[in-house]
PDB file of N, CA and C in Angstrom:
ATOM      1  N   MET A   1       7.720   4.955 -17.084  1.00  0.00           N
ATOM      2  CA  MET A   1       7.048   4.173 -16.057  1.00  0.00           C
ATOM      3  C   MET A   1       6.071   3.213 -16.734  1.00  0.00           C
ATOM      4  N   ARG A   2       6.051   1.992 -16.249  1.00  0.00           N
ATOM      5  CA  ARG A   2       5.158   0.996 -16.831  1.00  0.00           C
ATOM      6  C   ARG A   2       3.727   1.209 -16.369  1.00  0.00           C
ATOM      7  N   ARG A   3       2.786   0.510 -17.004  1.00  0.00           N
ATOM      8  CA  ARG A   3       1.364   0.710 -16.754  1.00  0.00           C
ATOM      9  C   ARG A   3       0.955   0.432 -15.306  1.00  0.00           C
ATOM     10  N   CYS A   4       1.458  -0.632 -14.689  1.00  0.00           N
ATOM     11  CA  CYS A   4       1.094  -0.922 -13.297  1.00  0.00           C
ATOM     12  C   CYS A   4       1.574   0.182 -12.368  1.00  0.00           C
ATOM     13  N   GLU A   5       2.807   0.639 -12.571  1.00  0.00           N
ATOM     14  CA  GLU A   5       3.349   1.695 -11.737  1.00  0.00           C
ATOM     15  C   GLU A   5       2.580   3.005 -11.937  1.00  0.00           C
ATOM     16  N   GLU A   6       2.203   3.285 -13.189  1.00  0.00           N
ATOM     17  CA  GLU A   6       1.407   4.482 -13.475  1.00  0.00           C
ATOM     18  C   GLU A   6       0.050   4.404 -12.779  1.00  0.00           C
ATOM     19  N   ALA A   7      -0.574   3.238 -12.827  1.00  0.00           N
ATOM     20  CA  ALA A   7      -1.874   3.056 -12.177  1.00  0.00           C
ATOM     21  C   ALA A   7      -1.741   3.225 -10.670  1.00  0.00           C
ATOM     22  N   LEU A   8      -0.672   2.690 -10.083  1.00  0.00           N
ATOM     23  CA  LEU A   8      -0.466   2.835  -8.645  1.00  0.00           C
ATOM     24  C   LEU A   8      -0.251   4.295  -8.270  1.00  0.00           C
ATOM     25  N   ALA A   9       0.575   5.004  -9.010  1.00  0.00           N
ATOM     26  CA  ALA A   9       0.811   6.423  -8.731  1.00  0.00           C
ATOM     27  C   ALA A   9      -0.495   7.213  -8.834  1.00  0.00           C
ATOM     28  N   ARG A  10      -1.292   6.922  -9.834  1.00  0.00           N
ATOM     29  CA  ARG A  10      -2.582   7.602 -10.007  1.00  0.00           C
ATOM     30  C   ARG A  10      -3.515   7.296  -8.833  1.00  0.00           C
ATOM     31  N   GLU A  11      -3.552   6.044  -8.408  1.00  0.00           N
ATOM     32  CA  GLU A  11      -4.415   5.648  -7.288  1.00  0.00           C
ATOM     33  C   GLU A  11      -3.973   6.306  -5.983  1.00  0.00           C
ATOM     34  N   ILE A  12      -2.659   6.382  -5.757  1.00  0.00           N
ATOM     35  CA  ILE A  12      -2.157   7.059  -4.559  1.00  0.00           C
ATOM     36  C   ILE A  12      -2.595   8.512  -4.562  1.00  0.00           C
ATOM     37  N   GLU A  13      -2.485   9.172  -5.715  1.00  0.00           N
ATOM     38  CA  GLU A  13      -2.895  10.576  -5.800  1.00  0.00           C
ATOM     39  C   GLU A  13      -4.395  10.724  -5.575  1.00  0.00           C
ATOM     40  N   GLU A  14      -5.195   9.853  -6.179  1.00  0.00           N
ATOM     41  CA  GLU A  14      -6.650   9.941  -6.023  1.00  0.00           C
ATOM     42  C   GLU A  14      -7.086   9.712  -4.578  1.00  0.00           C
ATOM     43  N   GLU A  15      -6.441   8.770  -3.893  1.00  0.00           N
ATOM     44  CA  GLU A  15      -6.865   8.393  -2.542  1.00  0.00           C
ATOM     45  C   GLU A  15      -6.279   9.289  -1.457  1.00  0.00           C
ATOM     46  N   THR A  16      -5.110   9.915  -1.726  1.00  0.00           N
ATOM     47  CA  THR A  16      -4.425  10.675  -0.673  1.00  0.00           C
ATOM     48  C   THR A  16      -4.062  12.108  -1.047  1.00  0.00           C
ATOM     49  N   GLY A  17      -4.115  12.432  -2.333  1.00  0.00           N
ATOM     50  CA  GLY A  17      -3.666  13.740  -2.782  1.00  0.00           C
ATOM     51  C   GLY A  17      -2.156  13.838  -2.912  1.00  0.00           C
ATOM     52  N   LEU A  18      -1.436  12.746  -2.671  1.00  0.00           N
ATOM     53  CA  LEU A  18       0.023  12.754  -2.726  1.00  0.00           C
ATOM     54  C   LEU A  18       0.527  12.329  -4.100  1.00  0.00           C
ATOM     55  N   LEU A  19       1.571  13.013  -4.574  1.00  0.00           N
ATOM     56  CA  LEU A  19       2.251  12.585  -5.796  1.00  0.00           C
ATOM     57  C   LEU A  19       3.318  11.585  -5.391  1.00  0.00           C
ATOM     58  N   ALA A  20       3.339  10.443  -6.038  1.00  0.00           N
ATOM     59  CA  ALA A  20       4.271   9.380  -5.666  1.00  0.00           C
ATOM     60  C   ALA A  20       5.145   8.991  -6.840  1.00  0.00           C
ATOM     61  N   GLU A  21       6.397   8.712  -6.525  1.00  0.00           N
ATOM     62  CA  GLU A  21       7.309   8.106  -7.490  1.00  0.00           C
ATOM     63  C   GLU A  21       7.370   6.630  -7.116  1.00  0.00           C
ATOM     64  N   VAL A  22       6.820   5.791  -7.972  1.00  0.00           N
ATOM     65  CA  VAL A  22       6.725   4.362  -7.690  1.00  0.00           C
ATOM     66  C   VAL A  22       7.990   3.672  -8.165  1.00  0.00           C
ATOM     67  N   GLY A  23       8.555   2.862  -7.274  1.00  0.00           N
ATOM     68  CA  GLY A  23       9.793   2.157  -7.578  1.00  0.00           C
ATOM     69  C   GLY A  23       9.554   0.711  -7.957  1.00  0.00           C
ATOM     70  N   SER A  24      10.367  -0.151  -7.396  1.00  0.00           N
ATOM     71  CA  SER A  24      10.348  -1.557  -7.789  1.00  0.00           C
ATOM     72  C   SER A  24       9.397  -2.394  -6.928  1.00  0.00           C
ATOM     73  N   VAL A  25       9.040  -3.543  -7.470  1.00  0.00           N
ATOM     74  CA  VAL A  25       8.203  -4.501  -6.743  1.00  0.00           C
ATOM     75  C   VAL A  25       9.032  -5.087  -5.604  1.00  0.00           C
ATOM     76  N   ARG A  26       8.440  -5.127  -4.400  1.00  0.00           N
ATOM     77  CA  ARG A  26       9.131  -5.684  -3.233  1.00  0.00           C
ATOM     78  C   ARG A  26       8.558  -7.021  -2.769  1.00  0.00           C
ATOM     79  N   HIS A  27       7.287  -7.267  -3.066  1.00  0.00           N
ATOM     80  CA  HIS A  27       6.656  -8.494  -2.567  1.00  0.00           C
ATOM     81  C   HIS A  27       5.429  -8.791  -3.416  1.00  0.00           C
ATOM     82  N   VAL A  28       5.228 -10.068  -3.740  1.00  0.00           N
ATOM     83  CA  VAL A  28       4.036 -10.522  -4.458  1.00  0.00           C
ATOM     84  C   VAL A  28       3.528 -11.773  -3.755  1.00  0.00           C
ATOM     85  N   GLU A  29       2.223 -11.806  -3.500  1.00  0.00           N
ATOM     86  CA  GLU A  29       1.654 -12.959  -2.816  1.00  0.00           C
ATOM     87  C   GLU A  29       0.166 -13.058  -3.121  1.00  0.00           C
ATOM     88  N   ILE A  30      -0.318 -14.272  -3.242  1.00  0.00           N
ATOM     89  CA  ILE A  30      -1.758 -14.499  -3.399  1.00  0.00           C
ATOM     90  C   ILE A  30      -2.378 -14.506  -2.010  1.00  0.00           C
ATOM     91  N   PHE A  31      -3.449 -13.756  -1.851  1.00  0.00           N
ATOM     92  CA  PHE A  31      -4.154 -13.651  -0.575  1.00  0.00           C
ATOM     93  C   PHE A  31      -5.540 -14.241  -0.764  1.00  0.00           C
ATOM     94  N   GLU A  32      -5.786 -15.331  -0.085  1.00  0.00           N
ATOM     95  CA  GLU A  32      -7.088 -15.972  -0.173  1.00  0.00           C
ATOM     96  C   GLU A  32      -7.946 -15.459   0.972  1.00  0.00           C
ATOM     97  N   GLN A  33      -8.980 -14.726   0.622  1.00  0.00           N
ATOM     98  CA  GLN A  33      -9.843 -14.131   1.630  1.00  0.00           C
ATOM     99  C   GLN A  33     -10.665 -15.209   2.310  1.00  0.00           C
ATOM    100  N   VAL A  34     -10.657 -15.177   3.610  1.00  0.00           N
ATOM    101  CA  VAL A  34     -11.387 -16.166   4.391  1.00  0.00           C
ATOM    102  C   VAL A  34     -12.884 -15.897   4.271  1.00  0.00           C
ATOM    103  N   GLY A  35     -13.628 -16.941   3.986  1.00  0.00           N
ATOM    104  CA  GLY A  35     -15.071 -16.823   4.004  1.00  0.00           C
ATOM    105  C   GLY A  35     -15.753 -16.689   2.658  1.00  0.00           C
ATOM    106  N   ASP A  36     -15.161 -15.988   1.721  1.00  0.00           N
ATOM    107  CA  ASP A  36     -15.887 -15.803   0.459  1.00  0.00           C
ATOM    108  C   ASP A  36     -15.265 -16.557  -0.711  1.00  0.00           C
ATOM    109  N   GLY A  37     -14.142 -17.233  -0.495  1.00  0.00           N
ATOM    110  CA  GLY A  37     -13.550 -18.058  -1.532  1.00  0.00           C
ATOM    111  C   GLY A  37     -12.803 -17.321  -2.622  1.00  0.00           C
ATOM    112  N   ARG A  38     -12.754 -15.994  -2.565  1.00  0.00           N
ATOM    113  CA  ARG A  38     -12.026 -15.227  -3.584  1.00  0.00           C
ATOM    114  C   ARG A  38     -10.553 -15.101  -3.207  1.00  0.00           C
ATOM    115  N   SER A  39      -9.735 -14.904  -4.222  1.00  0.00           N
ATOM    116  CA  SER A  39      -8.315 -14.658  -4.016  1.00  0.00           C
ATOM    117  C   SER A  39      -7.949 -13.347  -4.702  1.00  0.00           C
ATOM    118  N   VAL A  40      -6.999 -12.647  -4.099  1.00  0.00           N
ATOM    119  CA  VAL A  40      -6.460 -11.440  -4.716  1.00  0.00           C
ATOM    120  C   VAL A  40      -4.944 -11.550  -4.706  1.00  0.00           C
ATOM    121  N   ILE A  41      -4.308 -10.876  -5.626  1.00  0.00           N
ATOM    122  CA  ILE A  41      -2.851 -10.838  -5.662  1.00  0.00           C
ATOM    123  C   ILE A  41      -2.405  -9.529  -5.033  1.00  0.00           C
ATOM    124  N   ILE A  42      -1.589  -9.637  -3.999  1.00  0.00           N
ATOM    125  CA  ILE A  42      -1.025  -8.467  -3.326  1.00  0.00           C
ATOM    126  C   ILE A  42       0.333  -8.195  -3.966  1.00  0.00           C
ATOM    127  N   VAL A  43       0.513  -6.998  -4.497  1.00  0.00           N
ATOM    128  CA  VAL A  43       1.790  -6.586  -5.071  1.00  0.00           C
ATOM    129  C   VAL A  43       2.223  -5.326  -4.328  1.00  0.00           C
ATOM    130  N   ALA A  44       3.332  -5.416  -3.616  1.00  0.00           N
ATOM    131  CA  ALA A  44       3.841  -4.283  -2.844  1.00  0.00           C
ATOM    132  C   ALA A  44       5.031  -3.669  -3.575  1.00  0.00           C
ATOM    133  N   TYR A  45       4.994  -2.358  -3.727  1.00  0.00           N
ATOM    134  CA  TYR A  45       6.050  -1.611  -4.409  1.00  0.00           C
ATOM    135  C   TYR A  45       6.738  -0.667  -3.426  1.00  0.00           C
ATOM    136  N   ASP A  46       7.973  -0.299  -3.740  1.00  0.00           N
ATOM    137  CA  ASP A  46       8.598   0.852  -3.111  1.00  0.00           C
ATOM    138  C   ASP A  46       7.932   2.082  -3.711  1.00  0.00           C
ATOM    139  N   ALA A  47       7.744   3.103  -2.918  1.00  0.00           N
ATOM    140  CA  ALA A  47       7.234   4.369  -3.440  1.00  0.00           C
ATOM    141  C   ALA A  47       7.766   5.491  -2.567  1.00  0.00           C
ATOM    142  N   THR A  48       7.975   6.644  -3.183  1.00  0.00           N
ATOM    143  CA  THR A  48       8.463   7.814  -2.472  1.00  0.00           C
ATOM    144  C   THR A  48       7.502   8.969  -2.718  1.00  0.00           C
ATOM    145  N   VAL A  49       7.149   9.659  -1.642  1.00  0.00           N
ATOM    146  CA  VAL A  49       6.352  10.874  -1.752  1.00  0.00           C
ATOM    147  C   VAL A  49       7.142  12.005  -1.121  1.00  0.00           C
ATOM    148  N   THR A  50       6.933  13.229  -1.610  1.00  0.00           N
ATOM    149  CA  THR A  50       7.679  14.354  -1.067  1.00  0.00           C
ATOM    150  C   THR A  50       6.855  15.180  -0.086  1.00  0.00           C
ATOM    151  N   ALA A  51       5.552  15.112  -0.184  1.00  0.00           N
ATOM    152  CA  ALA A  51       4.678  15.835   0.737  1.00  0.00           C
ATOM    153  C   ALA A  51       4.269  14.902   1.870  1.00  0.00           C
ATOM    154  N   THR A  52       3.846  15.484   2.984  1.00  0.00           N
ATOM    155  CA  THR A  52       3.422  14.656   4.108  1.00  0.00           C
ATOM    156  C   THR A  52       1.978  14.920   4.520  1.00  0.00           C
ATOM    157  N   GLU A  53       1.345  15.920   3.931  1.00  0.00           N
ATOM    158  CA  GLU A  53      -0.039  16.221   4.288  1.00  0.00           C
ATOM    159  C   GLU A  53      -0.978  15.433   3.392  1.00  0.00           C
ATOM    160  N   VAL A  54      -1.713  14.525   4.007  1.00  0.00           N
ATOM    161  CA  VAL A  54      -2.615  13.649   3.277  1.00  0.00           C
ATOM    162  C   VAL A  54      -4.000  14.270   3.220  1.00  0.00           C
ATOM    163  N   GLU A  55      -4.598  14.249   2.030  1.00  0.00           N
ATOM    164  CA  GLU A  55      -5.984  14.677   1.841  1.00  0.00           C
ATOM    165  C   GLU A  55      -6.749  13.441   1.386  1.00  0.00           C
ATOM    166  N   ILE A  56      -7.337  12.727   2.349  1.00  0.00           N
ATOM    167  CA  ILE A  56      -7.969  11.459   2.015  1.00  0.00           C
ATOM    168  C   ILE A  56      -9.249  11.656   1.221  1.00  0.00           C
ATOM    169  N   SER A  57      -9.546  10.661   0.401  1.00  0.00           N
ATOM    170  CA  SER A  57     -10.767  10.700  -0.401  1.00  0.00           C
ATOM    171  C   SER A  57     -11.973  10.398   0.480  1.00  0.00           C
ATOM    172  N   HIS A  58     -13.152  10.560  -0.071  1.00  0.00           N
ATOM    173  CA  HIS A  58     -14.394  10.312   0.660  1.00  0.00           C
ATOM    174  C   HIS A  58     -14.562   8.847   1.055  1.00  0.00           C
ATOM    175  N   GLU A  59     -13.754   7.967   0.468  1.00  0.00           N
ATOM    176  CA  GLU A  59     -13.846   6.533   0.748  1.00  0.00           C
ATOM    177  C   GLU A  59     -13.197   6.147   2.077  1.00  0.00           C
ATOM    178  N   HIS A  60     -12.478   7.053   2.700  1.00  0.00           N
ATOM    179  CA  HIS A  60     -11.706   6.729   3.894  1.00  0.00           C
ATOM    180  C   HIS A  60     -12.122   7.610   5.071  1.00  0.00           C
ATOM    181  N   VAL A  61     -11.820   7.139   6.267  1.00  0.00           N
ATOM    182  CA  VAL A  61     -12.175   7.903   7.472  1.00  0.00           C
ATOM    183  C   VAL A  61     -10.956   8.448   8.198  1.00  0.00           C
ATOM    184  N   GLY A  62      -9.765   8.043   7.820  1.00  0.00           N
ATOM    185  CA  GLY A  62      -8.581   8.545   8.492  1.00  0.00           C
ATOM    186  C   GLY A  62      -7.313   8.042   7.843  1.00  0.00           C
ATOM    187  N   ALA A  63      -6.207   8.658   8.231  1.00  0.00           N
ATOM    188  CA  ALA A  63      -4.895   8.267   7.730  1.00  0.00           C
ATOM    189  C   ALA A  63      -3.863   8.635   8.787  1.00  0.00           C
ATOM    190  N   ALA A  64      -2.752   7.939   8.790  1.00  0.00           N
ATOM    191  CA  ALA A  64      -1.670   8.231   9.734  1.00  0.00           C
ATOM    192  C   ALA A  64      -0.346   7.819   9.114  1.00  0.00           C
ATOM    193  N   TRP A  65       0.699   8.575   9.426  1.00  0.00           N
ATOM    194  CA  TRP A  65       2.051   8.198   9.040  1.00  0.00           C
ATOM    195  C   TRP A  65       2.633   7.397  10.194  1.00  0.00           C
ATOM    196  N   LEU A  66       3.114   6.207   9.915  1.00  0.00           N
ATOM    197  CA  LEU A  66       3.712   5.354  10.929  1.00  0.00           C
ATOM    198  C   LEU A  66       5.079   4.886  10.454  1.00  0.00           C
ATOM    199  N   PRO A  67       6.045   4.794  11.372  1.00  0.00           N
ATOM    200  CA  PRO A  67       7.332   4.212  10.968  1.00  0.00           C
ATOM    201  C   PRO A  67       7.152   2.721  10.718  1.00  0.00           C
ATOM    202  N   LEU A  68       7.989   2.150   9.869  1.00  0.00           N
ATOM    203  CA  LEU A  68       7.898   0.712   9.608  1.00  0.00           C
ATOM    204  C   LEU A  68       7.931  -0.083  10.907  1.00  0.00           C
ATOM    205  N   SER A  69       8.740   0.357  11.858  1.00  0.00           N
ATOM    206  CA  SER A  69       8.840  -0.369  13.125  1.00  0.00           C
ATOM    207  C   SER A  69       7.539  -0.324  13.916  1.00  0.00           C
ATOM    208  N   GLY A  70       6.700   0.672  13.684  1.00  0.00           N
ATOM    209  CA  GLY A  70       5.438   0.786  14.399  1.00  0.00           C
ATOM    210  C   GLY A  70       4.322  -0.038  13.796  1.00  0.00           C
ATOM    211  N   LEU A  71       4.538  -0.607  12.622  1.00  0.00           N
ATOM    212  CA  LEU A  71       3.481  -1.361  11.954  1.00  0.00           C
ATOM    213  C   LEU A  71       3.303  -2.768  12.502  1.00  0.00           C
ATOM    214  N   ASP A  72       4.290  -3.259  13.255  1.00  0.00           N
ATOM    215  CA  ASP A  72       4.165  -4.604  13.828  1.00  0.00           C
ATOM    216  C   ASP A  72       2.966  -4.712  14.764  1.00  0.00           C
ATOM    217  N   ALA A  73       2.624  -3.620  15.428  1.00  0.00           N
ATOM    218  CA  ALA A  73       1.532  -3.634  16.404  1.00  0.00           C
ATOM    219  C   ALA A  73       0.159  -3.395  15.757  1.00  0.00           C
ATOM    220  N   VAL A  74       0.126  -3.038  14.492  1.00  0.00           N
ATOM    221  CA  VAL A  74      -1.137  -2.767  13.812  1.00  0.00           C
ATOM    222  C   VAL A  74      -1.777  -4.091  13.390  1.00  0.00           C
ATOM    223  N   VAL A  75      -3.068  -4.213  13.656  1.00  0.00           N
ATOM    224  CA  VAL A  75      -3.780  -5.440  13.292  1.00  0.00           C
ATOM    225  C   VAL A  75      -4.074  -5.409  11.788  1.00  0.00           C
ATOM    226  N   LEU A  76      -3.419  -6.308  11.076  1.00  0.00           N
ATOM    227  CA  LEU A  76      -3.567  -6.443   9.626  1.00  0.00           C
ATOM    228  C   LEU A  76      -3.519  -7.925   9.278  1.00  0.00           C
ATOM    229  N   PRO A  77      -4.062  -8.303   8.122  1.00  0.00           N
ATOM    230  CA  PRO A  77      -3.872  -9.679   7.679  1.00  0.00           C
ATOM    231  C   PRO A  77      -2.373  -9.984   7.551  1.00  0.00           C
ATOM    232  N   ALA A  78      -1.997 -11.220   7.820  1.00  0.00           N
ATOM    233  CA  ALA A  78      -0.584 -11.627   7.798  1.00  0.00           C
ATOM    234  C   ALA A  78       0.091 -11.312   6.464  1.00  0.00           C
ATOM    235  N   VAL A  79      -0.658 -11.400   5.369  1.00  0.00           N
ATOM    236  CA  VAL A  79      -0.075 -11.126   4.054  1.00  0.00           C
ATOM    237  C   VAL A  79       0.471  -9.693   3.996  1.00  0.00           C
ATOM    238  N   TYR A  80      -0.195  -8.744   4.641  1.00  0.00           N
ATOM    239  CA  TYR A  80       0.294  -7.365   4.658  1.00  0.00           C
ATOM    240  C   TYR A  80       1.543  -7.234   5.521  1.00  0.00           C
ATOM    241  N   HIS A  81       1.593  -7.943   6.635  1.00  0.00           N
ATOM    242  CA  HIS A  81       2.799  -7.911   7.463  1.00  0.00           C
ATOM    243  C   HIS A  81       3.997  -8.507   6.720  1.00  0.00           C
ATOM    244  N   ARG A  82       3.769  -9.539   5.899  1.00  0.00           N
ATOM    245  CA  ARG A  82       4.859 -10.101   5.110  1.00  0.00           C
ATOM    246  C   ARG A  82       5.322  -9.095   4.055  1.00  0.00           C
ATOM    247  N   ALA A  83       4.414  -8.356   3.458  1.00  0.00           N
ATOM    248  CA  ALA A  83       4.798  -7.330   2.478  1.00  0.00           C
ATOM    249  C   ALA A  83       5.583  -6.214   3.151  1.00  0.00           C
ATOM    250  N   ILE A  84       5.171  -5.826   4.343  1.00  0.00           N
ATOM    251  CA  ILE A  84       5.890  -4.784   5.099  1.00  0.00           C
ATOM    252  C   ILE A  84       7.289  -5.282   5.444  1.00  0.00           C
ATOM    253  N   ALA A  85       7.407  -6.541   5.870  1.00  0.00           N
ATOM    254  CA  ALA A  85       8.725  -7.104   6.194  1.00  0.00           C
ATOM    255  C   ALA A  85       9.641  -7.077   4.973  1.00  0.00           C
ATOM    256  N   ALA A  86       9.095  -7.305   3.796  1.00  0.00           N
ATOM    257  CA  ALA A  86       9.890  -7.286   2.565  1.00  0.00           C
ATOM    258  C   ALA A  86      10.400  -5.884   2.250  1.00  0.00           C
ATOM    259  N   ALA A  87       9.727  -4.858   2.750  1.00  0.00           N
ATOM    260  CA  ALA A  87      10.111  -3.479   2.485  1.00  0.00           C
ATOM    261  C   ALA A  87      11.234  -3.013   3.408  1.00  0.00           C
ATOM    262  N   ARG A  88      11.482  -3.757   4.457  1.00  0.00           N
ATOM    263  CA  ARG A  88      12.514  -3.329   5.428  1.00  0.00           C
ATOM    264  C   ARG A  88      13.894  -3.559   4.916  1.00  0.00           C
TER     265      ARG A  88
END
């Protein structure tokens, strides 16, 4: 596994307690945040987890499993909806 994929798998485990097998890149896009002038690069990967019980870190207040079809109704920046569409 390459360094980016290793870092993503480690971050998923730290934030959720889930072990993930990170696959291929599905979407890359520059996201320019409105208001502060900064830009970030969004890189979306395929990933597979075998467990379904999430243990969120102290940085988060909740988590939910949603089907891809249910994400259309979730309020997110458009860049995230484009990444989700690429995963379908």
